[in-house]
Amino acid sequence: MEASLDNASELPGTENVDTADPRGASYTTPTFLQSLIDAGMLIPTGVDGIYGRGGAYEAIAEGMNALVTQAGADQHAELMRFPPTTPRKDLEDSEYLKSFPQLAGTVHSFCGNERDHFRLLARLDEGEDWTDQQQPTRVVLTPAACYPIYPVIARQGPLPPAGRVVDVFSYCFRHEPSLEPTRMQMFRMREYVRLGSAEQVMAFRQMWIERGRALADELDLPHTLDVANDPFFGRGGKLVADNQRELKLKFELLIPVNDGAPPTACMSFNYHVDHFSTVWTLRTSDGEKAHTGCAAFGIDRLTLALLRRHGLELARWPRRVRAVLGNL
């Protein structure tokens, strides 16, 4: 089961940074985050991990997304796009909250009457807490781009003999406030998802591992590939994570990005076995439980990796890299 493009062993790169102010009292030289802000690549909002994006940053991100499209052109994937919310019931059924409660984000709204509204206004005027006036809605924030597709496909009946490939893209949310620029709370994830037999999914994953490495080479990004695990919660989660690594269900492509930290997972290649067909009725054409897997590309992390590698002035980037990304 995929939680994120996340390496549980990563340490935040927050050297010379004050948690309230990237240019705090201990500031000596610009951190990567501060350099991004100074260059107008990222626009701080006052909440760690929530940023606006400048024009040059978006040009890189759009070029990166287009490059992933090009890499998967021969897959003839079904394109699906969802808003960055998903039904709360689907998240509950997926067992995400059992594994990653620390990352989930819910959507709450005011559901009271006029008297409750007066109470809310009074608390706002007094600067008091007003959040108990909110109630959970039927939607939550999407934790991974592929999560909305499984219940949708399950409702459509058995897979064709060749299985299915889906191209999905979404903003995703993880509650990980941090000054590490790669650990955004809202970020973009692009995925190719394979549904079919175990053999089909494993062959798909291996193909995308090779394509992912070739893509990183094309962008002149130094990288390593390693077995990984998702950040499962609690003591029991450690056993699940160890099992995930032992069975080699998750590989990550790691690229240096952050100040003084290990390389960051910018792509992941995941084999979910039959987890999602146990949760939902995903069946192959012969009635067996379907297996699923995905190749996930962290569009924002790859954008940051490119800026770290090639610098903040796009005009100085290698001409070949700029051409690959659409003549930046």
C-alpha atoms as a PDB file:
ATOM      1  CA  MET A   1       0.000   0.000   0.000  1.00  0.00           C
ATOM      2  CA  GLU A   2       1.386   3.347  -1.026  1.00  0.00           C
ATOM      3  CA  ALA A   3       1.367   6.212   1.408  1.00  0.00           C
ATOM      4  CA  SER A   4       3.692   8.697  -0.166  1.00  0.00           C
ATOM      5  CA  LEU A   5       6.906   9.535  -1.884  1.00  0.00           C
ATOM      6  CA  ASP A   6       8.373   9.399   1.549  1.00  0.00           C
ATOM      7  CA  ASN A   7      11.548   8.041   3.060  1.00  0.00           C
ATOM      8  CA  ALA A   8      10.875   7.371   6.741  1.00  0.00           C
ATOM      9  CA  SER A   9      14.592   7.745   7.534  1.00  0.00           C
ATOM     10  CA  GLU A  10      14.869  11.282   6.128  1.00  0.00           C
ATOM     11  CA  LEU A  11      15.854  14.041   8.513  1.00  0.00           C
ATOM     12  CA  PRO A  12      14.673  17.622   8.027  1.00  0.00           C
ATOM     13  CA  GLY A  13      17.262  19.940   6.514  1.00  0.00           C
ATOM     14  CA  THR A  14      16.740  22.876   8.829  1.00  0.00           C
ATOM     15  CA  GLU A  15      20.270  24.038   9.547  1.00  0.00           C
ATOM     16  CA  ASN A  16      20.515  27.754  10.378  1.00  0.00           C
ATOM     17  CA  VAL A  17      16.750  28.101  10.401  1.00  0.00           C
ATOM     18  CA  ASP A  18      14.346  29.356  13.042  1.00  0.00           C
ATOM     19  CA  THR A  19      11.025  27.501  12.983  1.00  0.00           C
ATOM     20  CA  ALA A  20       9.052  30.746  12.971  1.00  0.00           C
ATOM     21  CA  ASP A  21      11.225  32.527  10.429  1.00  0.00           C
ATOM     22  CA  PRO A  22      13.475  30.981   7.765  1.00  0.00           C
ATOM     23  CA  ARG A  23      15.820  33.937   8.236  1.00  0.00           C
ATOM     24  CA  GLY A  24      15.862  33.670  12.048  1.00  0.00           C
ATOM     25  CA  ALA A  25      18.351  34.761  14.678  1.00  0.00           C
ATOM     26  CA  SER A  26      20.667  31.827  13.947  1.00  0.00           C
ATOM     27  CA  TYR A  27      20.742  32.654  10.232  1.00  0.00           C
ATOM     28  CA  THR A  28      24.267  32.670   8.748  1.00  0.00           C
ATOM     29  CA  THR A  29      24.039  31.541   5.101  1.00  0.00           C
ATOM     30  CA  PRO A  30      20.874  31.071   3.054  1.00  0.00           C
ATOM     31  CA  THR A  31      19.288  27.667   3.354  1.00  0.00           C
ATOM     32  CA  PHE A  32      17.902  26.121   0.198  1.00  0.00           C
ATOM     33  CA  LEU A  33      14.420  27.094   1.343  1.00  0.00           C
ATOM     34  CA  GLN A  34      15.393  30.718   1.877  1.00  0.00           C
ATOM     35  CA  SER A  35      17.142  30.810  -1.480  1.00  0.00           C
ATOM     36  CA  LEU A  36      13.958  29.561  -3.150  1.00  0.00           C
ATOM     37  CA  ILE A  37      11.935  32.243  -1.382  1.00  0.00           C
ATOM     38  CA  ASP A  38      14.456  34.997  -2.226  1.00  0.00           C
ATOM     39  CA  ALA A  39      14.346  33.937  -5.904  1.00  0.00           C
ATOM     40  CA  GLY A  40      10.541  34.037  -5.989  1.00  0.00           C
ATOM     41  CA  MET A  41      10.292  30.317  -6.678  1.00  0.00           C
ATOM     42  CA  LEU A  42       8.281  29.664  -3.523  1.00  0.00           C
ATOM     43  CA  ILE A  43       5.988  32.184  -1.845  1.00  0.00           C
ATOM     44  CA  PRO A  44       5.621  31.743   1.944  1.00  0.00           C
ATOM     45  CA  THR A  45       2.118  31.840   3.395  1.00  0.00           C
ATOM     46  CA  GLY A  46       2.951  31.809   7.098  1.00  0.00           C
ATOM     47  CA  VAL A  47       2.263  28.081   7.452  1.00  0.00           C
ATOM     48  CA  ASP A  48       5.206  25.697   7.164  1.00  0.00           C
ATOM     49  CA  GLY A  49       4.905  23.477   4.110  1.00  0.00           C
ATOM     50  CA  ILE A  50       2.210  25.574   2.397  1.00  0.00           C
ATOM     51  CA  TYR A  51       3.629  27.714  -0.414  1.00  0.00           C
ATOM     52  CA  GLY A  52       2.585  29.716  -3.399  1.00  0.00           C
ATOM     53  CA  ARG A  53       4.637  29.135  -6.533  1.00  0.00           C
ATOM     54  CA  GLY A  54       6.253  31.684  -8.805  1.00  0.00           C
ATOM     55  CA  GLY A  55       6.206  31.682 -12.605  1.00  0.00           C
ATOM     56  CA  ALA A  56       9.615  30.113 -13.151  1.00  0.00           C
ATOM     57  CA  TYR A  57       8.871  27.354 -10.645  1.00  0.00           C
ATOM     58  CA  GLU A  58       5.576  26.576 -12.376  1.00  0.00           C
ATOM     59  CA  ALA A  59       7.246  26.486 -15.775  1.00  0.00           C
ATOM     60  CA  ILE A  60       9.594  23.785 -14.503  1.00  0.00           C
ATOM     61  CA  ALA A  61       6.764  21.844 -12.871  1.00  0.00           C
ATOM     62  CA  GLU A  62       4.660  21.970 -16.033  1.00  0.00           C
ATOM     63  CA  GLY A  63       7.625  20.834 -18.106  1.00  0.00           C
ATOM     64  CA  MET A  64       8.221  17.983 -15.674  1.00  0.00           C
ATOM     65  CA  ASN A  65       4.607  16.870 -15.864  1.00  0.00           C
ATOM     66  CA  ALA A  66       4.725  16.975 -19.677  1.00  0.00           C
ATOM     67  CA  LEU A  67       7.897  14.874 -19.642  1.00  0.00           C
ATOM     68  CA  VAL A  68       6.143  12.204 -17.551  1.00  0.00           C
ATOM     69  CA  THR A  69       3.285  12.245 -20.071  1.00  0.00           C
ATOM     70  CA  GLN A  70       5.775  11.708 -22.872  1.00  0.00           C
ATOM     71  CA  ALA A  71       7.448   8.850 -20.991  1.00  0.00           C
ATOM     72  CA  GLY A  72       4.105   7.055 -20.691  1.00  0.00           C
ATOM     73  CA  ALA A  73       2.727   7.780 -24.149  1.00  0.00           C
ATOM     74  CA  ASP A  74       2.952   4.140 -25.258  1.00  0.00           C
ATOM     75  CA  GLN A  75       0.878   2.987 -22.280  1.00  0.00           C
ATOM     76  CA  HIS A  76      -2.388   4.254 -23.798  1.00  0.00           C
ATOM     77  CA  ALA A  77      -3.498   4.877 -20.238  1.00  0.00           C
ATOM     78  CA  GLU A  78      -7.010   5.969 -19.311  1.00  0.00           C
ATOM     79  CA  LEU A  79      -6.803   9.523 -18.073  1.00  0.00           C
ATOM     80  CA  MET A  80      -8.598  10.246 -14.794  1.00  0.00           C
ATOM     81  CA  ARG A  81      -8.488  13.529 -12.904  1.00  0.00           C
ATOM     82  CA  PHE A  82     -10.058  14.119  -9.490  1.00  0.00           C
ATOM     83  CA  PRO A  83     -10.162  17.155  -7.187  1.00  0.00           C
ATOM     84  CA  PRO A  84      -7.838  16.969  -4.158  1.00  0.00           C
ATOM     85  CA  THR A  85     -10.660  15.572  -2.040  1.00  0.00           C
ATOM     86  CA  THR A  86     -12.035  12.061  -1.765  1.00  0.00           C
ATOM     87  CA  PRO A  87     -15.084  10.587   0.005  1.00  0.00           C
ATOM     88  CA  ARG A  88     -14.431  10.061   3.707  1.00  0.00           C
ATOM     89  CA  LYS A  89     -15.996   6.584   3.483  1.00  0.00           C
ATOM     90  CA  ASP A  90     -13.487   5.553   0.806  1.00  0.00           C
ATOM     91  CA  LEU A  91     -10.566   6.677   2.970  1.00  0.00           C
ATOM     92  CA  GLU A  92     -11.971   4.753   5.926  1.00  0.00           C
ATOM     93  CA  ASP A  93     -12.437   1.628   3.787  1.00  0.00           C
ATOM     94  CA  SER A  94      -8.913   1.893   2.360  1.00  0.00           C
ATOM     95  CA  GLU A  95      -7.429   1.411   5.866  1.00  0.00           C
ATOM     96  CA  TYR A  96      -5.271   4.512   5.394  1.00  0.00           C
ATOM     97  CA  LEU A  97      -6.266   5.722   8.860  1.00  0.00           C
ATOM     98  CA  LYS A  98      -5.064   2.458  10.381  1.00  0.00           C
ATOM     99  CA  SER A  99      -1.636   2.904   8.820  1.00  0.00           C
ATOM    100  CA  PHE A 100      -1.083   6.663   8.537  1.00  0.00           C
ATOM    101  CA  PRO A 101      -3.384   8.569  10.934  1.00  0.00           C
ATOM    102  CA  GLN A 102      -0.645  11.156  11.486  1.00  0.00           C
ATOM    103  CA  LEU A 103      -0.763  12.231   7.826  1.00  0.00           C
ATOM    104  CA  ALA A 104      -4.507  12.390   7.141  1.00  0.00           C
ATOM    105  CA  GLY A 105      -6.368  15.637   6.589  1.00  0.00           C
ATOM    106  CA  THR A 106     -10.120  15.980   7.049  1.00  0.00           C
ATOM    107  CA  VAL A 107     -12.520  18.672   5.844  1.00  0.00           C
ATOM    108  CA  HIS A 108     -14.758  20.339   8.433  1.00  0.00           C
ATOM    109  CA  SER A 109     -17.471  22.962   7.954  1.00  0.00           C
ATOM    110  CA  PHE A 110     -19.847  25.100   9.999  1.00  0.00           C
ATOM    111  CA  CYS A 111     -23.181  23.282  10.285  1.00  0.00           C
ATOM    112  CA  GLY A 112     -24.877  25.276  13.046  1.00  0.00           C
ATOM    113  CA  ASN A 113     -27.882  27.583  13.316  1.00  0.00           C
ATOM    114  CA  GLU A 114     -28.010  31.367  13.737  1.00  0.00           C
ATOM    115  CA  ARG A 115     -27.396  31.169  17.482  1.00  0.00           C
ATOM    116  CA  ASP A 116     -24.308  29.047  16.844  1.00  0.00           C
ATOM    117  CA  HIS A 117     -23.150  31.623  14.335  1.00  0.00           C
ATOM    118  CA  PHE A 118     -23.391  34.413  16.933  1.00  0.00           C
ATOM    119  CA  ARG A 119     -21.302  32.255  19.258  1.00  0.00           C
ATOM    120  CA  LEU A 120     -18.736  31.770  16.496  1.00  0.00           C
ATOM    121  CA  LEU A 121     -18.555  35.513  15.821  1.00  0.00           C
ATOM    122  CA  ALA A 122     -18.109  36.262  19.513  1.00  0.00           C
ATOM    123  CA  ARG A 123     -15.211  33.857  19.761  1.00  0.00           C
ATOM    124  CA  LEU A 124     -13.586  35.354  16.678  1.00  0.00           C
ATOM    125  CA  ASP A 125     -13.937  38.847  18.146  1.00  0.00           C
ATOM    126  CA  GLU A 126     -12.339  37.689  21.404  1.00  0.00           C
ATOM    127  CA  GLY A 127      -9.573  35.773  19.657  1.00  0.00           C
ATOM    128  CA  GLU A 128     -10.781  32.541  21.219  1.00  0.00           C
ATOM    129  CA  ASP A 129     -10.828  29.057  19.721  1.00  0.00           C
ATOM    130  CA  TRP A 130     -13.793  28.537  17.390  1.00  0.00           C
ATOM    131  CA  THR A 131     -12.946  25.171  15.832  1.00  0.00           C
ATOM    132  CA  ASP A 132     -15.387  23.176  17.973  1.00  0.00           C
ATOM    133  CA  GLN A 133     -18.091  24.944  15.927  1.00  0.00           C
ATOM    134  CA  GLN A 134     -16.980  22.877  12.928  1.00  0.00           C
ATOM    135  CA  GLN A 135     -18.243  19.402  12.076  1.00  0.00           C
ATOM    136  CA  PRO A 136     -16.660  16.772   9.793  1.00  0.00           C
ATOM    137  CA  THR A 137     -17.995  16.643   6.248  1.00  0.00           C
ATOM    138  CA  ARG A 138     -18.274  13.632   3.980  1.00  0.00           C
ATOM    139  CA  VAL A 139     -14.986  14.425   2.242  1.00  0.00           C
ATOM    140  CA  VAL A 140     -11.315  14.309   3.228  1.00  0.00           C
ATOM    141  CA  LEU A 141      -8.155  15.560   1.559  1.00  0.00           C
ATOM    142  CA  THR A 142      -6.620  13.170  -0.966  1.00  0.00           C
ATOM    143  CA  PRO A 143      -3.509  11.500   0.499  1.00  0.00           C
ATOM    144  CA  ALA A 144      -2.210   9.958  -2.752  1.00  0.00           C
ATOM    145  CA  ALA A 145      -3.272  10.561  -6.335  1.00  0.00           C
ATOM    146  CA  CYS A 146      -4.275   6.943  -6.974  1.00  0.00           C
ATOM    147  CA  TYR A 147      -6.618   6.510  -3.991  1.00  0.00           C
ATOM    148  CA  PRO A 148      -9.829   7.757  -5.686  1.00  0.00           C
ATOM    149  CA  ILE A 149      -9.549   5.396  -8.664  1.00  0.00           C
ATOM    150  CA  TYR A 150      -9.884   1.997  -6.927  1.00  0.00           C
ATOM    151  CA  PRO A 151     -13.496   2.271  -5.727  1.00  0.00           C
ATOM    152  CA  VAL A 152     -14.439   3.891  -9.042  1.00  0.00           C
ATOM    153  CA  ILE A 153     -12.980   1.029 -11.097  1.00  0.00           C
ATOM    154  CA  ALA A 154     -14.407  -1.582  -8.721  1.00  0.00           C
ATOM    155  CA  ARG A 155     -17.912  -0.267  -9.451  1.00  0.00           C
ATOM    156  CA  GLN A 156     -17.308  -0.713 -13.192  1.00  0.00           C
ATOM    157  CA  GLY A 157     -17.035  -4.494 -12.987  1.00  0.00           C
ATOM    158  CA  PRO A 158     -14.271  -6.994 -13.823  1.00  0.00           C
ATOM    159  CA  LEU A 159     -11.122  -5.867 -15.587  1.00  0.00           C
ATOM    160  CA  PRO A 160     -10.557  -6.780 -19.250  1.00  0.00           C
ATOM    161  CA  PRO A 161      -8.099  -9.670 -19.872  1.00  0.00           C
ATOM    162  CA  ALA A 162      -5.270  -7.194 -20.481  1.00  0.00           C
ATOM    163  CA  GLY A 163      -6.048  -5.357 -17.231  1.00  0.00           C
ATOM    164  CA  ARG A 164      -6.112  -1.570 -17.081  1.00  0.00           C
ATOM    165  CA  VAL A 165      -3.603   1.286 -16.894  1.00  0.00           C
ATOM    166  CA  VAL A 166      -4.737   4.629 -15.464  1.00  0.00           C
ATOM    167  CA  ASP A 167      -2.982   7.999 -15.665  1.00  0.00           C
ATOM    168  CA  VAL A 168      -3.906  10.069 -12.610  1.00  0.00           C
ATOM    169  CA  PHE A 169      -2.711  13.444 -11.293  1.00  0.00           C
ATOM    170  CA  SER A 170      -3.718  15.378  -8.193  1.00  0.00           C
ATOM    171  CA  TYR A 171      -2.712  17.744  -5.464  1.00  0.00           C
ATOM    172  CA  CYS A 172      -2.272  15.633  -2.325  1.00  0.00           C
ATOM    173  CA  PHE A 173      -2.202  16.495   1.374  1.00  0.00           C
ATOM    174  CA  ARG A 174       0.011  15.172   4.172  1.00  0.00           C
ATOM    175  CA  HIS A 175       0.058  16.726   7.636  1.00  0.00           C
ATOM    176  CA  GLU A 176       3.829  17.142   7.874  1.00  0.00           C
ATOM    177  CA  PRO A 177       4.534  20.813   8.696  1.00  0.00           C
ATOM    178  CA  SER A 178       8.227  21.338   8.070  1.00  0.00           C
ATOM    179  CA  LEU A 179      10.792  23.858   6.884  1.00  0.00           C
ATOM    180  CA  GLU A 180      12.239  21.173   4.648  1.00  0.00           C
ATOM    181  CA  PRO A 181      11.046  22.353   1.200  1.00  0.00           C
ATOM    182  CA  THR A 182      10.516  18.825  -0.117  1.00  0.00           C
ATOM    183  CA  ARG A 183       8.110  18.039   2.739  1.00  0.00           C
ATOM    184  CA  MET A 184       5.219  20.193   1.591  1.00  0.00           C
ATOM    185  CA  GLN A 185       1.803  19.674   3.135  1.00  0.00           C
ATOM    186  CA  MET A 186       0.145  20.188  -0.264  1.00  0.00           C
ATOM    187  CA  PHE A 187       2.007  18.839  -3.275  1.00  0.00           C
ATOM    188  CA  ARG A 188       1.418  17.409  -6.742  1.00  0.00           C
ATOM    189  CA  MET A 189       1.662  13.722  -7.552  1.00  0.00           C
ATOM    190  CA  ARG A 190       1.466  12.133 -10.999  1.00  0.00           C
ATOM    191  CA  GLU A 191       0.933   8.382 -11.238  1.00  0.00           C
ATOM    192  CA  TYR A 192       0.551   5.565 -13.708  1.00  0.00           C
ATOM    193  CA  VAL A 193      -1.468   2.825 -12.025  1.00  0.00           C
ATOM    194  CA  ARG A 194      -1.602  -0.800 -13.218  1.00  0.00           C
ATOM    195  CA  LEU A 195      -4.459  -3.154 -12.388  1.00  0.00           C
ATOM    196  CA  GLY A 196      -4.341  -6.791 -13.458  1.00  0.00           C
ATOM    197  CA  SER A 197      -2.576 -10.033 -12.621  1.00  0.00           C
ATOM    198  CA  ALA A 198       0.487 -10.240 -10.384  1.00  0.00           C
ATOM    199  CA  GLU A 199       2.654 -10.865 -13.459  1.00  0.00           C
ATOM    200  CA  GLN A 200       1.248  -7.847 -15.288  1.00  0.00           C
ATOM    201  CA  VAL A 201       1.793  -5.548 -12.326  1.00  0.00           C
ATOM    202  CA  MET A 202       5.337  -6.741 -11.599  1.00  0.00           C
ATOM    203  CA  ALA A 203       6.364  -6.330 -15.254  1.00  0.00           C
ATOM    204  CA  PHE A 204       4.811  -2.843 -15.249  1.00  0.00           C
ATOM    205  CA  ARG A 205       6.722  -1.840 -12.125  1.00  0.00           C
ATOM    206  CA  GLN A 206      10.058  -3.050 -13.497  1.00  0.00           C
ATOM    207  CA  MET A 207       9.471  -1.190 -16.754  1.00  0.00           C
ATOM    208  CA  TRP A 208       8.807   2.059 -14.866  1.00  0.00           C
ATOM    209  CA  ILE A 209      11.840   1.616 -12.643  1.00  0.00           C
ATOM    210  CA  GLU A 210      13.950   1.549 -15.788  1.00  0.00           C
ATOM    211  CA  ARG A 211      12.089   4.488 -17.317  1.00  0.00           C
ATOM    212  CA  GLY A 212      12.338   6.498 -14.129  1.00  0.00           C
ATOM    213  CA  ARG A 213      16.102   6.077 -14.005  1.00  0.00           C
ATOM    214  CA  ALA A 214      16.384   7.003 -17.682  1.00  0.00           C
ATOM    215  CA  LEU A 215      14.277  10.102 -17.063  1.00  0.00           C
ATOM    216  CA  ALA A 216      16.561  11.174 -14.182  1.00  0.00           C
ATOM    217  CA  ASP A 217      19.615  10.640 -16.425  1.00  0.00           C
ATOM    218  CA  GLU A 218      17.993  12.762 -19.133  1.00  0.00           C
ATOM    219  CA  LEU A 219      17.603  15.576 -16.612  1.00  0.00           C
ATOM    220  CA  ASP A 220      21.167  15.168 -15.330  1.00  0.00           C
ATOM    221  CA  LEU A 221      19.916  14.383 -11.820  1.00  0.00           C
ATOM    222  CA  PRO A 222      22.221  12.209  -9.688  1.00  0.00           C
ATOM    223  CA  HIS A 223      20.185   9.402  -8.163  1.00  0.00           C
ATOM    224  CA  THR A 224      20.130   6.050  -6.459  1.00  0.00           C
ATOM    225  CA  LEU A 225      17.435   3.386  -6.336  1.00  0.00           C
ATOM    226  CA  ASP A 226      16.678   1.700  -3.035  1.00  0.00           C
ATOM    227  CA  VAL A 227      14.147  -0.539  -1.325  1.00  0.00           C
ATOM    228  CA  ALA A 228      11.918   1.570   0.916  1.00  0.00           C
ATOM    229  CA  ASN A 229       8.947   1.514   3.229  1.00  0.00           C
ATOM    230  CA  ASP A 230       6.052   3.835   3.933  1.00  0.00           C
ATOM    231  CA  PRO A 231       5.895   5.697   7.303  1.00  0.00           C
ATOM    232  CA  PHE A 232       3.449   3.325   9.024  1.00  0.00           C
ATOM    233  CA  PHE A 233       2.319   4.590  12.424  1.00  0.00           C
ATOM    234  CA  GLY A 234       3.240   3.152  15.819  1.00  0.00           C
ATOM    235  CA  ARG A 235       4.971  -0.017  16.999  1.00  0.00           C
ATOM    236  CA  GLY A 236       2.750  -2.237  14.913  1.00  0.00           C
ATOM    237  CA  GLY A 237       3.544  -0.072  11.929  1.00  0.00           C
ATOM    238  CA  LYS A 238       7.224  -0.867  12.268  1.00  0.00           C
ATOM    239  CA  LEU A 239       6.480  -4.542  11.724  1.00  0.00           C
ATOM    240  CA  VAL A 240       4.432  -3.720   8.643  1.00  0.00           C
ATOM    241  CA  ALA A 241       7.209  -1.463   7.329  1.00  0.00           C
ATOM    242  CA  ASP A 242       9.820  -4.176   7.911  1.00  0.00           C
ATOM    243  CA  ASN A 243       7.647  -6.651   6.035  1.00  0.00           C
ATOM    244  CA  GLN A 244       7.195  -4.171   3.175  1.00  0.00           C
ATOM    245  CA  ARG A 245      10.965  -3.831   2.849  1.00  0.00           C
ATOM    246  CA  GLU A 246      11.593  -7.550   3.173  1.00  0.00           C
ATOM    247  CA  LEU A 247       9.151  -8.315   0.351  1.00  0.00           C
ATOM    248  CA  LYS A 248      10.558  -5.429  -1.728  1.00  0.00           C
ATOM    249  CA  LEU A 249       7.115  -4.005  -2.376  1.00  0.00           C
ATOM    250  CA  LYS A 250       8.365  -0.417  -2.657  1.00  0.00           C
ATOM    251  CA  PHE A 251      11.354   1.088  -4.425  1.00  0.00           C
ATOM    252  CA  GLU A 252      12.257   4.772  -4.378  1.00  0.00           C
ATOM    253  CA  LEU A 253      14.439   6.853  -6.655  1.00  0.00           C
ATOM    254  CA  LEU A 254      16.414   9.131  -4.345  1.00  0.00           C
ATOM    255  CA  ILE A 255      17.917  12.479  -5.360  1.00  0.00           C
ATOM    256  CA  PRO A 256      19.940  14.939  -3.215  1.00  0.00           C
ATOM    257  CA  VAL A 257      17.889  18.054  -2.493  1.00  0.00           C
ATOM    258  CA  ASN A 258      17.868  19.232   1.134  1.00  0.00           C
ATOM    259  CA  ASP A 259      20.509  20.933   3.265  1.00  0.00           C
ATOM    260  CA  GLY A 260      22.548  18.348   5.152  1.00  0.00           C
ATOM    261  CA  ALA A 261      19.939  15.596   4.748  1.00  0.00           C
ATOM    262  CA  PRO A 262      19.911  12.204   3.031  1.00  0.00           C
ATOM    263  CA  PRO A 263      18.645  12.157  -0.566  1.00  0.00           C
ATOM    264  CA  THR A 264      14.917  12.636  -1.090  1.00  0.00           C
ATOM    265  CA  ALA A 265      12.440  10.171  -2.626  1.00  0.00           C
ATOM    266  CA  CYS A 266      11.279  11.845  -5.847  1.00  0.00           C
ATOM    267  CA  MET A 267       9.789   8.797  -7.580  1.00  0.00           C
ATOM    268  CA  SER A 268       8.393   5.578  -6.154  1.00  0.00           C
ATOM    269  CA  PHE A 269       7.512   2.244  -7.704  1.00  0.00           C
ATOM    270  CA  ASN A 270       4.986   0.300  -5.673  1.00  0.00           C
ATOM    271  CA  TYR A 271       3.396  -3.143  -5.659  1.00  0.00           C
ATOM    272  CA  HIS A 272       0.245  -3.240  -3.514  1.00  0.00           C
ATOM    273  CA  VAL A 273      -0.333  -6.994  -4.055  1.00  0.00           C
ATOM    274  CA  ASP A 274      -4.127  -7.520  -3.628  1.00  0.00           C
ATOM    275  CA  HIS A 275      -4.687  -4.975  -0.839  1.00  0.00           C
ATOM    276  CA  PHE A 276      -7.090  -2.759  -2.772  1.00  0.00           C
ATOM    277  CA  SER A 277      -9.011  -5.710  -4.233  1.00  0.00           C
ATOM    278  CA  THR A 278      -9.513  -6.951  -0.668  1.00  0.00           C
ATOM    279  CA  VAL A 279     -10.968  -3.568   0.296  1.00  0.00           C
ATOM    280  CA  TRP A 280     -13.019  -3.182  -2.895  1.00  0.00           C
ATOM    281  CA  THR A 281     -14.265  -5.748  -5.409  1.00  0.00           C
ATOM    282  CA  LEU A 282     -11.497  -5.359  -7.974  1.00  0.00           C
ATOM    283  CA  ARG A 283     -11.521  -8.550 -10.035  1.00  0.00           C
ATOM    284  CA  THR A 284      -9.695  -9.799 -13.106  1.00  0.00           C
ATOM    285  CA  SER A 285     -11.617 -11.108 -16.110  1.00  0.00           C
ATOM    286  CA  ASP A 286     -11.508 -14.655 -14.671  1.00  0.00           C
ATOM    287  CA  GLY A 287     -12.891 -13.549 -11.298  1.00  0.00           C
ATOM    288  CA  GLU A 288      -9.641 -13.559  -9.311  1.00  0.00           C
ATOM    289  CA  LYS A 289      -8.583 -10.722  -7.026  1.00  0.00           C
ATOM    290  CA  ALA A 290      -6.789  -8.094  -9.071  1.00  0.00           C
ATOM    291  CA  HIS A 291      -3.305  -6.979  -8.096  1.00  0.00           C
ATOM    292  CA  THR A 292      -2.326  -3.312  -8.340  1.00  0.00           C
ATOM    293  CA  GLY A 293       0.816  -1.237  -8.495  1.00  0.00           C
ATOM    294  CA  CYS A 294       1.881   2.253  -9.463  1.00  0.00           C
ATOM    295  CA  ALA A 295       4.726   4.427 -10.611  1.00  0.00           C
ATOM    296  CA  ALA A 296       4.486   7.753  -8.762  1.00  0.00           C
ATOM    297  CA  PHE A 297       6.278  10.977  -9.656  1.00  0.00           C
ATOM    298  CA  GLY A 298       6.536  13.779  -7.117  1.00  0.00           C
ATOM    299  CA  ILE A 299       6.227  16.762  -9.455  1.00  0.00           C
ATOM    300  CA  ASP A 300       7.166  19.315  -6.793  1.00  0.00           C
ATOM    301  CA  ARG A 301      10.044  17.251  -5.427  1.00  0.00           C
ATOM    302  CA  LEU A 302      11.436  16.750  -8.939  1.00  0.00           C
ATOM    303  CA  THR A 303      11.113  20.489  -9.557  1.00  0.00           C
ATOM    304  CA  LEU A 304      13.053  21.186  -6.360  1.00  0.00           C
ATOM    305  CA  ALA A 305      15.658  18.582  -7.304  1.00  0.00           C
ATOM    306  CA  LEU A 306      16.198  20.319 -10.635  1.00  0.00           C
ATOM    307  CA  LEU A 307      16.586  23.699  -8.943  1.00  0.00           C
ATOM    308  CA  ARG A 308      19.052  22.244  -6.449  1.00  0.00           C
ATOM    309  CA  ARG A 309      21.074  20.557  -9.170  1.00  0.00           C
ATOM    310  CA  HIS A 310      21.088  23.250 -11.863  1.00  0.00           C
ATOM    311  CA  GLY A 311      20.591  26.454  -9.895  1.00  0.00           C
ATOM    312  CA  LEU A 312      17.912  29.102  -9.538  1.00  0.00           C
ATOM    313  CA  GLU A 313      18.634  30.902 -12.836  1.00  0.00           C
ATOM    314  CA  LEU A 314      16.995  28.881 -15.591  1.00  0.00           C
ATOM    315  CA  ALA A 315      18.989  30.697 -18.291  1.00  0.00           C
ATOM    316  CA  ARG A 316      22.148  29.100 -16.859  1.00  0.00           C
ATOM    317  CA  TRP A 317      20.797  25.545 -16.935  1.00  0.00           C
ATOM    318  CA  PRO A 318      22.291  23.063 -19.417  1.00  0.00           C
ATOM    319  CA  ARG A 319      20.673  23.652 -22.791  1.00  0.00           C
ATOM    320  CA  ARG A 320      19.837  19.962 -23.140  1.00  0.00           C
ATOM    321  CA  VAL A 321      17.915  19.908 -19.853  1.00  0.00           C
ATOM    322  CA  ARG A 322      15.990  23.049 -20.759  1.00  0.00           C
ATOM    323  CA  ALA A 323      15.055  21.514 -24.112  1.00  0.00           C
ATOM    324  CA  VAL A 324      13.852  18.293 -22.490  1.00  0.00           C
ATOM    325  CA  LEU A 325      11.501  20.353 -20.298  1.00  0.00           C
ATOM    326  CA  GLY A 326       9.991  22.264 -23.202  1.00  0.00           C
ATOM    327  CA  ASN A 327      12.578  24.950 -23.948  1.00  0.00           C
ATOM    328  CA  LEU A 328      12.428  26.756 -20.614  1.00  0.00           C
END
